Amino acid sequence: MKIVLTDAQTVIDDLVNADPLRALGEVTEHGLLAYEEVAEQIADADVVVCNKTLMDAHTLRYAKKLRYIGLPLR
């Protein structure tokens, strides 16, 4: 499973780490992505974890495998 963190610097910190996600599959972490970069970076993702990334028809248009979009829980 491919898991993409679109704004990892706002999701991953000293209290929350990506290790539980890595146990589920391949994790790709991005800092804050520009709106124009989001569609390309999530195109082959099964899961997207985001905090501040705008998800709309434009950013989701090529994400054909996407099964889940989630927010981090603390």
Protein backbone atom coordinates (compact mmCIF):
# COMPACT_ATOMS: atom_id res chain seq x y z
CA MET A 1 0.00 0.00 0.00
CA LYS A 2 1.31 3.47 -0.89
CA ILE A 3 0.72 6.11 1.77
CA VAL A 4 1.45 9.78 1.02
CA LEU A 5 1.80 12.50 3.63
CA THR A 6 1.22 15.72 1.72
CA ASP A 7 2.26 18.15 4.44
CA ALA A 8 4.40 16.03 6.72
CA GLN A 9 5.95 18.96 8.54
CA THR A 10 2.52 19.78 9.99
CA VAL A 11 1.63 16.13 10.68
CA ILE A 12 4.84 14.47 11.92
CA ASP A 13 6.60 15.88 14.98
CA ASP A 14 8.06 14.82 18.32
CA LEU A 15 4.69 13.49 19.49
CA VAL A 16 3.51 11.82 16.28
CA ASN A 17 5.73 9.76 14.00
CA ALA A 18 5.12 7.82 10.80
CA ASP A 19 6.28 4.41 12.11
CA PRO A 20 2.75 2.97 12.46
CA LEU A 21 2.06 4.00 8.86
CA ARG A 22 5.32 2.42 7.68
CA ALA A 23 4.12 -0.87 9.15
CA LEU A 24 1.20 -0.71 6.70
CA GLY A 25 3.14 0.07 3.53
CA GLU A 26 5.42 2.43 1.65
CA VAL A 27 5.27 5.94 3.10
CA THR A 28 6.26 9.03 1.14
CA GLU A 29 6.58 12.23 3.14
CA HIS A 30 6.40 15.68 1.58
CA GLY A 31 6.79 19.03 3.24
CA LEU A 32 4.14 21.57 2.38
CA LEU A 33 3.28 20.91 -1.26
CA ALA A 34 2.23 23.71 -3.54
CA TYR A 35 -1.31 23.29 -4.81
CA GLU A 36 0.03 22.63 -8.32
CA GLU A 37 2.15 19.68 -7.04
CA VAL A 38 -0.52 17.76 -5.13
CA ALA A 39 -2.20 15.93 -8.05
CA GLU A 40 1.11 14.49 -9.27
CA GLN A 41 2.31 13.45 -5.81
CA ILE A 42 -0.89 11.57 -4.87
CA ALA A 43 -1.65 10.07 -8.30
CA ASP A 44 -0.62 6.51 -7.32
CA ALA A 45 -1.47 6.70 -3.60
CA ASP A 46 -3.84 4.33 -1.81
CA VAL A 47 -3.97 6.56 1.27
CA VAL A 48 -3.34 10.28 1.75
CA VAL A 49 -2.74 11.76 5.20
CA CYS A 50 -2.98 15.51 5.16
CA ASN A 51 -3.53 18.43 7.44
CA LYS A 52 -3.56 21.63 5.41
CA THR A 53 -3.53 20.34 1.83
CA LEU A 54 -6.51 21.31 -0.30
CA MET A 55 -8.21 18.21 -1.73
CA ASP A 56 -10.61 19.07 -4.54
CA ALA A 57 -11.59 17.76 -7.98
CA HIS A 58 -8.37 19.13 -9.48
CA THR A 59 -6.01 17.51 -6.97
CA LEU A 60 -7.93 14.20 -6.92
CA ARG A 61 -8.49 13.74 -10.66
CA TYR A 62 -5.67 11.25 -11.26
CA ALA A 63 -5.78 9.49 -7.88
CA LYS A 64 -7.56 6.41 -9.26
CA LYS A 65 -6.28 4.04 -6.53
CA LEU A 66 -7.11 6.35 -3.63
CA ARG A 67 -9.15 4.62 -0.94
CA TYR A 68 -8.76 6.94 2.03
CA ILE A 69 -7.96 10.56 2.86
CA GLY A 70 -7.35 11.20 6.52
CA LEU A 71 -6.31 13.79 9.02
CA PRO A 72 -3.77 13.11 11.73
CA LEU A 73 -5.15 12.43 15.18
CA ARG A 74 -3.32 13.47 18.31
